[in-house]
C-alpha atoms as a PDB file:
ATOM      1  CA  MET A   1     -62.501  59.807  16.184  1.00  0.00           C
ATOM      2  CA  LYS A   2     -63.988  57.437  13.622  1.00  0.00           C
ATOM      3  CA  THR A   3     -67.506  58.348  14.686  1.00  0.00           C
ATOM      4  CA  ARG A   4     -66.782  62.033  14.130  1.00  0.00           C
ATOM      5  CA  ILE A   5     -65.511  61.326  10.614  1.00  0.00           C
ATOM      6  CA  ALA A   6     -68.500  59.105   9.873  1.00  0.00           C
ATOM      7  CA  ALA A   7     -70.875  61.760  11.224  1.00  0.00           C
ATOM      8  CA  ALA A   8     -69.237  64.445   9.082  1.00  0.00           C
ATOM      9  CA  ALA A   9     -69.446  62.239   5.971  1.00  0.00           C
ATOM     10  CA  LEU A  10     -73.100  61.414   6.670  1.00  0.00           C
ATOM     11  CA  LEU A  11     -73.917  65.091   7.169  1.00  0.00           C
ATOM     12  CA  ALA A  12     -72.141  66.020   3.928  1.00  0.00           C
ATOM     13  CA  ALA A  13     -74.014  63.310   2.017  1.00  0.00           C
ATOM     14  CA  ALA A  14     -77.336  64.429   3.492  1.00  0.00           C
ATOM     15  CA  LEU A  15     -76.677  68.034   2.516  1.00  0.00           C
ATOM     16  CA  ALA A  16     -75.450  67.160  -0.989  1.00  0.00           C
ATOM     17  CA  ALA A  17     -78.252  64.719  -1.857  1.00  0.00           C
ATOM     18  CA  PRO A  18     -80.901  67.374  -2.662  1.00  0.00           C
ATOM     19  CA  LEU A  19     -78.395  69.197  -4.850  1.00  0.00           C
ATOM     20  CA  ALA A  20     -77.702  66.176  -7.058  1.00  0.00           C
ATOM     21  CA  PRO A  21     -79.456  66.431 -10.440  1.00  0.00           C
ATOM     22  CA  SER A  22     -81.926  63.808 -11.503  1.00  0.00           C
ATOM     23  CA  ALA A  23     -81.410  61.777 -14.657  1.00  0.00           C
ATOM     24  CA  ALA A  24     -82.617  63.728 -17.683  1.00  0.00           C
ATOM     25  CA  GLN A  25     -84.212  62.090 -20.683  1.00  0.00           C
ATOM     26  CA  ALA A  26     -83.065  63.708 -23.920  1.00  0.00           C
ATOM     27  CA  GLN A  27     -84.674  61.266 -26.287  1.00  0.00           C
ATOM     28  CA  GLY A  28     -86.144  63.284 -29.069  1.00  0.00           C
ATOM     29  CA  TRP A  29     -86.155  67.002 -28.578  1.00  0.00           C
ATOM     30  CA  HIS A  30     -82.559  67.798 -29.437  1.00  0.00           C
ATOM     31  CA  ARG A  31     -82.702  70.545 -32.061  1.00  0.00           C
ATOM     32  CA  GLY A  32     -86.451  70.273 -32.404  1.00  0.00           C
ATOM     33  CA  GLY A  33     -86.606  66.584 -33.297  1.00  0.00           C
ATOM     34  CA  PRO A  34     -89.652  64.380 -32.826  1.00  0.00           C
ATOM     35  CA  GLY A  35     -90.975  64.396 -29.319  1.00  0.00           C
ATOM     36  CA  TRP A  36     -93.235  66.715 -27.410  1.00  0.00           C
ATOM     37  CA  GLY A  37     -92.309  69.676 -29.556  1.00  0.00           C
ATOM     38  CA  GLY A  38     -88.921  70.529 -28.215  1.00  0.00           C
ATOM     39  CA  PRO A  39     -87.704  73.573 -26.357  1.00  0.00           C
ATOM     40  CA  PRO A  40     -88.333  77.104 -27.481  1.00  0.00           C
ATOM     41  CA  PRO A  41     -85.966  78.221 -30.237  1.00  0.00           C
ATOM     42  CA  HIS A  42     -82.658  79.697 -29.170  1.00  0.00           C
ATOM     43  CA  HIS A  43     -81.463  82.862 -30.788  1.00  0.00           C
ATOM     44  CA  HIS A  44     -77.866  82.240 -29.652  1.00  0.00           C
ATOM     45  CA  HIS A  45     -77.482  85.523 -27.877  1.00  0.00           C
ATOM     46  CA  HIS A  46     -76.748  85.115 -24.205  1.00  0.00           C
ATOM     47  CA  ARG A  47     -77.869  88.024 -22.119  1.00  0.00           C
ATOM     48  CA  GLY A  48     -78.118  88.040 -18.382  1.00  0.00           C
ATOM     49  CA  ASP A  49     -76.068  84.878 -17.769  1.00  0.00           C
ATOM     50  CA  GLY A  50     -73.256  86.737 -15.967  1.00  0.00           C
ATOM     51  CA  GLY A  51     -75.160  86.796 -12.688  1.00  0.00           C
ATOM     52  CA  ALA A  52     -75.680  83.050 -12.754  1.00  0.00           C
ATOM     53  CA  VAL A  53     -72.010  82.440 -13.494  1.00  0.00           C
ATOM     54  CA  ALA A  54     -70.931  84.783 -10.705  1.00  0.00           C
ATOM     55  CA  ALA A  55     -73.372  83.146  -8.289  1.00  0.00           C
ATOM     56  CA  GLY A  56     -71.980  79.715  -9.182  1.00  0.00           C
ATOM     57  CA  ILE A  57     -68.408  80.841  -8.638  1.00  0.00           C
ATOM     58  CA  ILE A  58     -69.194  82.545  -5.330  1.00  0.00           C
ATOM     59  CA  GLY A  59     -71.222  79.554  -4.159  1.00  0.00           C
ATOM     60  CA  GLY A  60     -68.401  77.184  -5.062  1.00  0.00           C
ATOM     61  CA  LEU A  61     -65.899  79.297  -3.176  1.00  0.00           C
ATOM     62  CA  ALA A  62     -68.209  79.420  -0.156  1.00  0.00           C
ATOM     63  CA  LEU A  63     -68.681  75.642  -0.147  1.00  0.00           C
ATOM     64  CA  GLY A  64     -64.937  75.145  -0.552  1.00  0.00           C
ATOM     65  CA  ALA A  65     -64.256  77.426   2.406  1.00  0.00           C
ATOM     66  CA  LEU A  66     -66.772  75.500   4.517  1.00  0.00           C
ATOM     67  CA  ALA A  67     -65.196  72.190   3.546  1.00  0.00           C
ATOM     68  CA  ALA A  68     -61.691  73.469   4.308  1.00  0.00           C
ATOM     69  CA  GLY A  69     -62.848  74.770   7.682  1.00  0.00           C
ATOM     70  CA  ALA A  70     -64.536  71.480   8.524  1.00  0.00           C
ATOM     71  CA  ALA A  71     -61.445  69.513   7.516  1.00  0.00           C
ATOM     72  CA  GLY A  72     -59.363  71.524   9.986  1.00  0.00           C
ATOM     73  CA  LEU A  73     -61.723  70.623  12.820  1.00  0.00           C
ATOM     74  CA  LEU A  74     -61.285  66.888  12.251  1.00  0.00           C
ATOM     75  CA  ALA A  75     -57.495  66.987  11.995  1.00  0.00           C
ATOM     76  CA  PRO A  76     -55.519  65.217  14.741  1.00  0.00           C
ATOM     77  CA  PRO A  77     -53.734  67.377  17.307  1.00  0.00           C
ATOM     78  CA  PRO A  78     -50.119  68.317  16.624  1.00  0.00           C
ATOM     79  CA  PRO A  79     -47.361  66.254  18.225  1.00  0.00           C
ATOM     80  CA  PRO A  80     -45.955  67.456  21.550  1.00  0.00           C
ATOM     81  CA  PRO A  81     -42.887  69.681  21.445  1.00  0.00           C
ATOM     82  CA  VAL A  82     -39.570  67.898  21.433  1.00  0.00           C
ATOM     83  CA  THR A  83     -37.536  68.286  24.628  1.00  0.00           C
ATOM     84  CA  TYR A  84     -33.841  67.530  24.625  1.00  0.00           C
ATOM     85  CA  TYR A  85     -32.142  66.625  27.884  1.00  0.00           C
ATOM     86  CA  ALA A  86     -28.444  67.030  28.681  1.00  0.00           C
ATOM     87  CA  PRO A  87     -26.522  63.764  28.725  1.00  0.00           C
ATOM     88  CA  PRO A  88     -25.790  62.394  32.195  1.00  0.00           C
ATOM     89  CA  PRO A  89     -22.365  63.146  33.663  1.00  0.00           C
ATOM     90  CA  PRO A  90     -19.715  60.453  33.285  1.00  0.00           C
ATOM     91  CA  PRO A  91     -19.216  58.136  36.256  1.00  0.00           C
ATOM     92  CA  PRO A  92     -16.495  59.171  38.702  1.00  0.00           C
ATOM     93  CA  VAL A  93     -13.063  57.668  38.260  1.00  0.00           C
ATOM     94  CA  ALA A  94     -12.424  55.042  40.928  1.00  0.00           C
ATOM     95  CA  TYR A  95      -8.948  54.601  42.364  1.00  0.00           C
ATOM     96  CA  TYR A  96      -8.243  51.274  44.006  1.00  0.00           C
ATOM     97  CA  ALA A  97      -5.436  50.379  46.426  1.00  0.00           C
ATOM     98  CA  PRO A  98      -2.775  48.126  44.964  1.00  0.00           C
ATOM     99  CA  PRO A  99      -2.911  44.477  45.976  1.00  0.00           C
ATOM    100  CA  PRO A 100      -0.745  43.393  48.883  1.00  0.00           C
ATOM    101  CA  PRO A 101       2.652  41.944  48.003  1.00  0.00           C
ATOM    102  CA  VAL A 102       2.805  38.232  47.531  1.00  0.00           C
ATOM    103  CA  ALA A 103       4.574  36.704  50.510  1.00  0.00           C
ATOM    104  CA  TYR A 104       4.674  33.014  51.110  1.00  0.00           C
ATOM    105  CA  ALA A 105       5.044  31.794  54.655  1.00  0.00           C
ATOM    106  CA  PRO A 106       7.572  28.996  55.086  1.00  0.00           C
ATOM    107  CA  PRO A 107       6.071  25.621  55.800  1.00  0.00           C
ATOM    108  CA  PRO A 108       5.996  24.689  59.469  1.00  0.00           C
ATOM    109  CA  ALA A 109       8.800  22.565  60.748  1.00  0.00           C
ATOM    110  CA  VAL A 110       7.952  18.925  61.142  1.00  0.00           C
ATOM    111  CA  VAL A 111       8.638  17.902  64.664  1.00  0.00           C
ATOM    112  CA  TYR A 112       9.433  14.243  65.006  1.00  0.00           C
ATOM    113  CA  GLN A 113       9.630  12.891  68.418  1.00  0.00           C
ATOM    114  CA  PRO A 114      10.420   9.221  68.651  1.00  0.00           C
ATOM    115  CA  ALA A 115       9.018   9.038  72.161  1.00  0.00           C
ATOM    116  CA  TYR A 116       5.590   8.775  70.844  1.00  0.00           C
ATOM    117  CA  ALA A 117       6.359   5.925  68.559  1.00  0.00           C
ATOM    118  CA  TRP A 118       4.909   2.528  69.297  1.00  0.00           C
END
């Protein structure tokens, strides 16, 4: 599972690396300052930028859809359905015989016979 996530992150980084902009140096050509001469003058009328904006929006939506689809593939499976079982039946009621009545036997009679005496 961890290797799949790491592979997906590595693939995303490899695909996004060429799209990252490089560091720009804006040292001296802002508004035609000293430098290599600056950019061509802007006339502040923007024509034809609608296609670029639309392409950026559509591309962003497409990349978002791809990312959402890829995130669903790496999600863990859902938990198993819950099954409820009926409780077990109660144990049967046990009926026991009453104890026998208490009856004490009389002690045996002591037989004393003097014939056996010494």
